[in-house]
């Protein structure tokens, strides 16, 4: 789920005012929730490597890598500043900050690491339809709340392969764009889902460099 998104959410929300949003049609919202659930309950084995463009207020744009790994109920997220491992069935997770070395645990971390983050701050969910992608057909969903408009592209297997964040007051200006550069069924070697594994990165060096045009 990558800075999924997840490491950036709290930083972005701090500067985003919340605005009113119209409710979704019931059927449309139900479709969206089904896609969100798929992303949070997938049992697929995959490694997804992404490239992100981050535009925070008052700062120059930043480009950086992120990665997520999944096997059954177990999930792992990495960014240049964070490492997370989670059991998505038990909703238990541990987050290690590479900035200050702290480790935090709990269900809140699991909610943001496991699939699309969804909580009581979300006022509207919408299913935007099915779209082609390099990774097969995807469902696109949009979530509005906590000052953000978030959209996600989710494969049939429940893998998030693209996402865009914008502020509610400036919906046409993305503050985060995440695109997949590689989606693999093979995981890095070793025990990558236990808390001891947070001590080091498992992301291949080639995926920490800017993708070639």
C-alpha atoms as a PDB file:
ATOM      1  CA  UNK A   1       0.000   0.000   0.000  1.00  0.00           C
ATOM      2  CA  UNK A   2       3.155   2.584  -0.633  1.00  0.00           C
ATOM      3  CA  UNK A   3       4.386   5.456   0.790  1.00  0.00           C
ATOM      4  CA  UNK A   4       1.655   3.439  -0.262  1.00  0.00           C
ATOM      5  CA  UNK A   5       0.189   6.002   0.044  1.00  0.00           C
ATOM      6  CA  UNK A   6       0.298   5.078   3.665  1.00  0.00           C
ATOM      7  CA  UNK A   7       3.406   6.911   4.807  1.00  0.00           C
ATOM      8  CA  UNK A   8       2.306  10.068   3.041  1.00  0.00           C
ATOM      9  CA  UNK A   9      -1.316  10.179   4.176  1.00  0.00           C
ATOM     10  CA  UNK A  10      -0.699  11.804   7.548  1.00  0.00           C
ATOM     11  CA  UNK A  11       1.764  14.340   6.127  1.00  0.00           C
ATOM     12  CA  UNK A  12      -0.612  15.348   3.360  1.00  0.00           C
ATOM     13  CA  UNK A  13      -3.675  15.605   5.574  1.00  0.00           C
ATOM     14  CA  UNK A  14      -2.034  18.198   7.808  1.00  0.00           C
ATOM     15  CA  UNK A  15      -2.266  20.853   5.098  1.00  0.00           C
ATOM     16  CA  UNK A  16      -5.583  19.859   3.466  1.00  0.00           C
ATOM     17  CA  UNK A  17      -8.881  21.476   4.535  1.00  0.00           C
ATOM     18  CA  UNK A  18     -11.915  19.175   4.459  1.00  0.00           C
ATOM     19  CA  UNK A  19     -14.753  20.132   2.101  1.00  0.00           C
ATOM     20  CA  UNK A  20     -18.275  18.783   1.697  1.00  0.00           C
ATOM     21  CA  UNK A  21     -18.810  16.028  -0.885  1.00  0.00           C
ATOM     22  CA  UNK A  22     -22.057  14.613  -2.285  1.00  0.00           C
ATOM     23  CA  UNK A  23     -22.869  11.018  -1.322  1.00  0.00           C
ATOM     24  CA  UNK A  24     -22.265   8.194  -3.792  1.00  0.00           C
ATOM     25  CA  UNK A  25     -25.142   6.240  -5.283  1.00  0.00           C
ATOM     26  CA  UNK A  26     -25.651   3.091  -3.158  1.00  0.00           C
ATOM     27  CA  UNK A  27     -24.803   0.599  -5.929  1.00  0.00           C
ATOM     28  CA  UNK A  28     -21.745   2.585  -6.988  1.00  0.00           C
ATOM     29  CA  UNK A  29     -20.510   2.798  -3.407  1.00  0.00           C
ATOM     30  CA  UNK A  30     -21.046  -0.948  -2.957  1.00  0.00           C
ATOM     31  CA  UNK A  31     -18.916  -1.661  -6.031  1.00  0.00           C
ATOM     32  CA  UNK A  32     -16.203   0.612  -4.711  1.00  0.00           C
ATOM     33  CA  UNK A  33     -16.240  -1.049  -1.299  1.00  0.00           C
ATOM     34  CA  UNK A  34     -15.911  -4.461  -2.943  1.00  0.00           C
ATOM     35  CA  UNK A  35     -12.747  -3.293  -4.707  1.00  0.00           C
ATOM     36  CA  UNK A  36     -11.374  -1.797  -1.486  1.00  0.00           C
ATOM     37  CA  UNK A  37     -12.052  -5.093   0.309  1.00  0.00           C
ATOM     38  CA  UNK A  38     -10.318  -7.006  -2.504  1.00  0.00           C
ATOM     39  CA  UNK A  39      -7.191  -4.911  -2.010  1.00  0.00           C
ATOM     40  CA  UNK A  40      -7.220  -5.527   1.742  1.00  0.00           C
ATOM     41  CA  UNK A  41      -7.923  -9.281   1.678  1.00  0.00           C
ATOM     42  CA  UNK A  42      -5.914 -10.479  -1.326  1.00  0.00           C
ATOM     43  CA  UNK A  43      -3.977 -13.697  -0.764  1.00  0.00           C
ATOM     44  CA  UNK A  44      -1.929 -13.333  -3.944  1.00  0.00           C
ATOM     45  CA  UNK A  45       1.845 -13.650  -3.964  1.00  0.00           C
ATOM     46  CA  UNK A  46       3.392 -10.592  -5.578  1.00  0.00           C
ATOM     47  CA  UNK A  47       6.105  -7.954  -5.490  1.00  0.00           C
ATOM     48  CA  UNK A  48       5.128  -4.556  -6.860  1.00  0.00           C
ATOM     49  CA  UNK A  49       7.737  -1.857  -7.431  1.00  0.00           C
ATOM     50  CA  UNK A  50       6.557   1.697  -7.961  1.00  0.00           C
ATOM     51  CA  UNK A  51       7.839   5.176  -8.727  1.00  0.00           C
ATOM     52  CA  UNK A  52       6.285   8.175  -6.994  1.00  0.00           C
ATOM     53  CA  UNK A  53       6.126  11.907  -7.636  1.00  0.00           C
ATOM     54  CA  UNK A  54       5.310  13.889  -4.492  1.00  0.00           C
ATOM     55  CA  UNK A  55       4.344  17.560  -4.531  1.00  0.00           C
ATOM     56  CA  UNK A  56       3.940  19.005  -1.037  1.00  0.00           C
ATOM     57  CA  UNK A  57       3.065  22.632  -0.414  1.00  0.00           C
ATOM     58  CA  UNK A  58       6.120  24.860  -0.132  1.00  0.00           C
ATOM     59  CA  UNK A  59       8.552  22.198  -1.349  1.00  0.00           C
ATOM     60  CA  UNK A  60      10.088  21.139  -4.643  1.00  0.00           C
ATOM     61  CA  UNK A  61       8.656  17.970  -6.213  1.00  0.00           C
ATOM     62  CA  UNK A  62      10.283  14.766  -5.005  1.00  0.00           C
ATOM     63  CA  UNK A  63      10.615  11.547  -6.999  1.00  0.00           C
ATOM     64  CA  UNK A  64      11.293   8.310  -5.187  1.00  0.00           C
ATOM     65  CA  UNK A  65      10.726   4.567  -5.181  1.00  0.00           C
ATOM     66  CA  UNK A  66       8.422   2.398  -3.112  1.00  0.00           C
ATOM     67  CA  UNK A  67       7.671  -1.317  -2.998  1.00  0.00           C
ATOM     68  CA  UNK A  68       5.125  -3.734  -1.596  1.00  0.00           C
ATOM     69  CA  UNK A  69       5.218  -7.491  -1.122  1.00  0.00           C
ATOM     70  CA  UNK A  70       2.418  -9.925  -0.328  1.00  0.00           C
ATOM     71  CA  UNK A  71       2.074 -13.619   0.450  1.00  0.00           C
ATOM     72  CA  UNK A  72      -1.205 -14.930   1.813  1.00  0.00           C
ATOM     73  CA  UNK A  73      -2.150 -12.739   4.777  1.00  0.00           C
ATOM     74  CA  UNK A  74       1.343 -11.269   5.110  1.00  0.00           C
ATOM     75  CA  UNK A  75       2.311  -7.912   3.672  1.00  0.00           C
ATOM     76  CA  UNK A  76       5.393  -5.693   3.542  1.00  0.00           C
ATOM     77  CA  UNK A  77       5.814  -2.052   2.506  1.00  0.00           C
ATOM     78  CA  UNK A  78       9.044  -0.157   1.893  1.00  0.00           C
ATOM     79  CA  UNK A  79       9.884   3.448   1.057  1.00  0.00           C
ATOM     80  CA  UNK A  80      13.190   5.313   1.461  1.00  0.00           C
ATOM     81  CA  UNK A  81      12.003   6.355   4.954  1.00  0.00           C
ATOM     82  CA  UNK A  82       9.794   3.500   6.144  1.00  0.00           C
ATOM     83  CA  UNK A  83       9.510  -0.254   6.441  1.00  0.00           C
ATOM     84  CA  UNK A  84       6.325  -2.013   7.492  1.00  0.00           C
ATOM     85  CA  UNK A  85       5.332  -5.633   7.982  1.00  0.00           C
ATOM     86  CA  UNK A  86       1.745  -6.655   8.617  1.00  0.00           C
ATOM     87  CA  UNK A  87      -0.534  -9.609   9.162  1.00  0.00           C
ATOM     88  CA  UNK A  88      -3.599  -8.398   7.261  1.00  0.00           C
ATOM     89  CA  UNK A  89      -5.908 -11.088   8.636  1.00  0.00           C
ATOM     90  CA  UNK A  90      -5.110 -10.202  12.240  1.00  0.00           C
ATOM     91  CA  UNK A  91      -4.769  -6.478  11.403  1.00  0.00           C
ATOM     92  CA  UNK A  92      -1.494  -6.313  13.282  1.00  0.00           C
ATOM     93  CA  UNK A  93       1.537  -4.468  11.950  1.00  0.00           C
ATOM     94  CA  UNK A  94       4.893  -2.919  12.819  1.00  0.00           C
ATOM     95  CA  UNK A  95       6.312   0.232  11.255  1.00  0.00           C
ATOM     96  CA  UNK A  96       9.974   1.161  11.472  1.00  0.00           C
ATOM     97  CA  UNK A  97      10.903   4.760  10.695  1.00  0.00           C
ATOM     98  CA  UNK A  98      14.314   5.110   9.068  1.00  0.00           C
ATOM     99  CA  UNK A  99      14.230   8.809   9.943  1.00  0.00           C
ATOM    100  CA  UNK A 100      14.299   8.456  13.724  1.00  0.00           C
ATOM    101  CA  UNK A 101      14.613   4.697  14.267  1.00  0.00           C
ATOM    102  CA  UNK A 102      11.329   4.342  16.144  1.00  0.00           C
ATOM    103  CA  UNK A 103       9.079   1.289  15.818  1.00  0.00           C
ATOM    104  CA  UNK A 104       5.304   1.589  16.161  1.00  0.00           C
ATOM    105  CA  UNK A 105       2.757  -1.216  16.123  1.00  0.00           C
ATOM    106  CA  UNK A 106      -0.994  -1.726  15.922  1.00  0.00           C
ATOM    107  CA  UNK A 107      -4.150  -2.003  13.855  1.00  0.00           C
ATOM    108  CA  UNK A 108      -4.012   1.570  12.554  1.00  0.00           C
ATOM    109  CA  UNK A 109      -0.721   0.832  10.835  1.00  0.00           C
ATOM    110  CA  UNK A 110      -2.157  -2.390   9.403  1.00  0.00           C
ATOM    111  CA  UNK A 111      -5.171  -0.518   8.010  1.00  0.00           C
ATOM    112  CA  UNK A 112      -2.937   1.809   6.002  1.00  0.00           C
ATOM    113  CA  UNK A 113      -0.450  -0.882   4.969  1.00  0.00           C
ATOM    114  CA  UNK A 114      -2.958  -3.551   3.939  1.00  0.00           C
ATOM    115  CA  UNK A 115      -4.609  -2.443   0.712  1.00  0.00           C
ATOM    116  CA  UNK A 116      -6.529   0.814   0.361  1.00  0.00           C
ATOM    117  CA  UNK A 117      -6.698   2.764   3.616  1.00  0.00           C
ATOM    118  CA  UNK A 118     -10.305   3.288   4.679  1.00  0.00           C
ATOM    119  CA  UNK A 119     -11.664   4.599   7.986  1.00  0.00           C
ATOM    120  CA  UNK A 120     -14.331   6.902   9.438  1.00  0.00           C
ATOM    121  CA  UNK A 121     -12.702   9.978   7.873  1.00  0.00           C
ATOM    122  CA  UNK A 122     -13.866   8.840   4.414  1.00  0.00           C
ATOM    123  CA  UNK A 123     -17.099  10.583   3.399  1.00  0.00           C
ATOM    124  CA  UNK A 124     -17.489   9.258  -0.142  1.00  0.00           C
ATOM    125  CA  UNK A 125     -16.376   6.205  -2.103  1.00  0.00           C
ATOM    126  CA  UNK A 126     -17.002   5.773  -5.837  1.00  0.00           C
ATOM    127  CA  UNK A 127     -16.343   3.114  -8.432  1.00  0.00           C
ATOM    128  CA  UNK A 128     -15.164   4.861 -11.612  1.00  0.00           C
ATOM    129  CA  UNK A 129     -15.218   1.842 -13.911  1.00  0.00           C
ATOM    130  CA  UNK A 130     -12.871  -0.693 -15.473  1.00  0.00           C
ATOM    131  CA  UNK A 131      -9.797   0.417 -17.401  1.00  0.00           C
ATOM    132  CA  UNK A 132      -6.972  -1.266 -19.335  1.00  0.00           C
ATOM    133  CA  UNK A 133      -3.466  -1.168 -17.879  1.00  0.00           C
ATOM    134  CA  UNK A 134      -0.068  -2.780 -18.519  1.00  0.00           C
ATOM    135  CA  UNK A 135      -0.981  -5.154 -15.677  1.00  0.00           C
ATOM    136  CA  UNK A 136      -4.350  -6.234 -17.036  1.00  0.00           C
ATOM    137  CA  UNK A 137      -7.809  -4.792 -16.544  1.00  0.00           C
ATOM    138  CA  UNK A 138      -8.182  -2.717 -13.377  1.00  0.00           C
ATOM    139  CA  UNK A 139     -11.023  -1.292 -11.322  1.00  0.00           C
ATOM    140  CA  UNK A 140     -10.611   2.389 -10.493  1.00  0.00           C
ATOM    141  CA  UNK A 141     -12.032   3.687  -7.220  1.00  0.00           C
ATOM    142  CA  UNK A 142     -12.062   7.128  -5.630  1.00  0.00           C
ATOM    143  CA  UNK A 143     -12.185   8.019  -1.939  1.00  0.00           C
ATOM    144  CA  UNK A 144     -12.929  11.494  -0.569  1.00  0.00           C
ATOM    145  CA  UNK A 145     -12.154  12.488   3.006  1.00  0.00           C
ATOM    146  CA  UNK A 146      -9.601  13.929   5.421  1.00  0.00           C
ATOM    147  CA  UNK A 147      -8.895  16.719   2.935  1.00  0.00           C
ATOM    148  CA  UNK A 148      -7.863  14.359   0.137  1.00  0.00           C
ATOM    149  CA  UNK A 149      -9.271  12.892  -3.063  1.00  0.00           C
ATOM    150  CA  UNK A 150      -7.567   9.540  -3.600  1.00  0.00           C
ATOM    151  CA  UNK A 151      -7.927   7.287  -6.629  1.00  0.00           C
ATOM    152  CA  UNK A 152      -6.579   3.761  -7.007  1.00  0.00           C
ATOM    153  CA  UNK A 153      -6.273   1.232  -9.835  1.00  0.00           C
ATOM    154  CA  UNK A 154      -6.704  -2.322  -8.527  1.00  0.00           C
ATOM    155  CA  UNK A 155      -6.125  -5.536 -10.479  1.00  0.00           C
ATOM    156  CA  UNK A 156      -8.365  -8.588 -10.373  1.00  0.00           C
ATOM    157  CA  UNK A 157      -5.911 -10.112  -7.888  1.00  0.00           C
ATOM    158  CA  UNK A 158      -6.252  -7.116  -5.567  1.00  0.00           C
ATOM    159  CA  UNK A 159      -2.911  -5.436  -6.357  1.00  0.00           C
ATOM    160  CA  UNK A 160      -2.794  -1.633  -6.333  1.00  0.00           C
ATOM    161  CA  UNK A 161      -0.855  -0.671  -9.473  1.00  0.00           C
ATOM    162  CA  UNK A 162      -1.510   3.084  -9.609  1.00  0.00           C
ATOM    163  CA  UNK A 163      -2.779   5.815  -7.332  1.00  0.00           C
ATOM    164  CA  UNK A 164      -3.215   9.574  -7.327  1.00  0.00           C
ATOM    165  CA  UNK A 165      -3.807  11.929  -4.412  1.00  0.00           C
ATOM    166  CA  UNK A 166      -5.118  15.481  -4.725  1.00  0.00           C
ATOM    167  CA  UNK A 167      -6.346  18.005  -2.190  1.00  0.00           C
ATOM    168  CA  UNK A 168     -10.088  18.526  -2.018  1.00  0.00           C
ATOM    169  CA  UNK A 169      -9.724  22.257  -2.632  1.00  0.00           C
ATOM    170  CA  UNK A 170      -7.500  21.707  -5.696  1.00  0.00           C
ATOM    171  CA  UNK A 171      -8.731  18.433  -7.219  1.00  0.00           C
ATOM    172  CA  UNK A 172      -6.975  18.977 -10.560  1.00  0.00           C
ATOM    173  CA  UNK A 173      -3.506  19.225  -8.996  1.00  0.00           C
ATOM    174  CA  UNK A 174      -2.043  15.923  -7.849  1.00  0.00           C
ATOM    175  CA  UNK A 175       0.094  15.971  -4.729  1.00  0.00           C
ATOM    176  CA  UNK A 176       1.063  12.322  -5.171  1.00  0.00           C
ATOM    177  CA  UNK A 177       1.250  10.152  -8.274  1.00  0.00           C
ATOM    178  CA  UNK A 178       2.251   6.506  -7.956  1.00  0.00           C
ATOM    179  CA  UNK A 179       2.847   4.268 -10.966  1.00  0.00           C
ATOM    180  CA  UNK A 180       4.016   0.663 -11.106  1.00  0.00           C
ATOM    181  CA  UNK A 181       7.279  -0.031 -12.914  1.00  0.00           C
ATOM    182  CA  UNK A 182       7.338  -3.803 -12.269  1.00  0.00           C
ATOM    183  CA  UNK A 183       4.895  -6.405 -10.980  1.00  0.00           C
ATOM    184  CA  UNK A 184       6.401  -9.815 -10.216  1.00  0.00           C
ATOM    185  CA  UNK A 185       5.139 -13.080  -8.733  1.00  0.00           C
ATOM    186  CA  UNK A 186       8.541 -13.835  -7.221  1.00  0.00           C
ATOM    187  CA  UNK A 187       9.390 -12.459  -3.785  1.00  0.00           C
ATOM    188  CA  UNK A 188      12.837 -11.545  -2.468  1.00  0.00           C
ATOM    189  CA  UNK A 189      14.571 -14.405  -0.701  1.00  0.00           C
ATOM    190  CA  UNK A 190      14.388 -14.922   3.042  1.00  0.00           C
ATOM    191  CA  UNK A 191      11.890 -14.271   5.812  1.00  0.00           C
ATOM    192  CA  UNK A 192      10.750 -10.837   4.731  1.00  0.00           C
ATOM    193  CA  UNK A 193       7.509 -10.593   6.743  1.00  0.00           C
ATOM    194  CA  UNK A 194       8.728 -10.887  10.340  1.00  0.00           C
ATOM    195  CA  UNK A 195       9.614  -7.891  12.487  1.00  0.00           C
ATOM    196  CA  UNK A 196      13.299  -8.782  12.559  1.00  0.00           C
ATOM    197  CA  UNK A 197      13.366  -8.259   8.772  1.00  0.00           C
ATOM    198  CA  UNK A 198      12.670  -4.537   9.276  1.00  0.00           C
ATOM    199  CA  UNK A 199      16.376  -4.136  10.025  1.00  0.00           C
ATOM    200  CA  UNK A 200      17.238  -4.105   6.332  1.00  0.00           C
ATOM    201  CA  UNK A 201      15.733  -3.443   2.937  1.00  0.00           C
ATOM    202  CA  UNK A 202      14.774  -6.282   0.606  1.00  0.00           C
ATOM    203  CA  UNK A 203      14.208  -4.067  -2.464  1.00  0.00           C
ATOM    204  CA  UNK A 204      16.565  -4.838  -5.381  1.00  0.00           C
ATOM    205  CA  UNK A 205      18.854  -1.895  -6.121  1.00  0.00           C
ATOM    206  CA  UNK A 206      17.597  -1.564  -9.701  1.00  0.00           C
ATOM    207  CA  UNK A 207      14.131  -0.606  -8.448  1.00  0.00           C
ATOM    208  CA  UNK A 208      15.480   2.240  -6.312  1.00  0.00           C
ATOM    209  CA  UNK A 209      16.632   4.117  -9.414  1.00  0.00           C
ATOM    210  CA  UNK A 210      14.475   6.266 -11.732  1.00  0.00           C
ATOM    211  CA  UNK A 211      12.744   4.153 -14.386  1.00  0.00           C
ATOM    212  CA  UNK A 212      14.024   4.469 -17.913  1.00  0.00           C
ATOM    213  CA  UNK A 213      11.804   6.391 -20.378  1.00  0.00           C
END
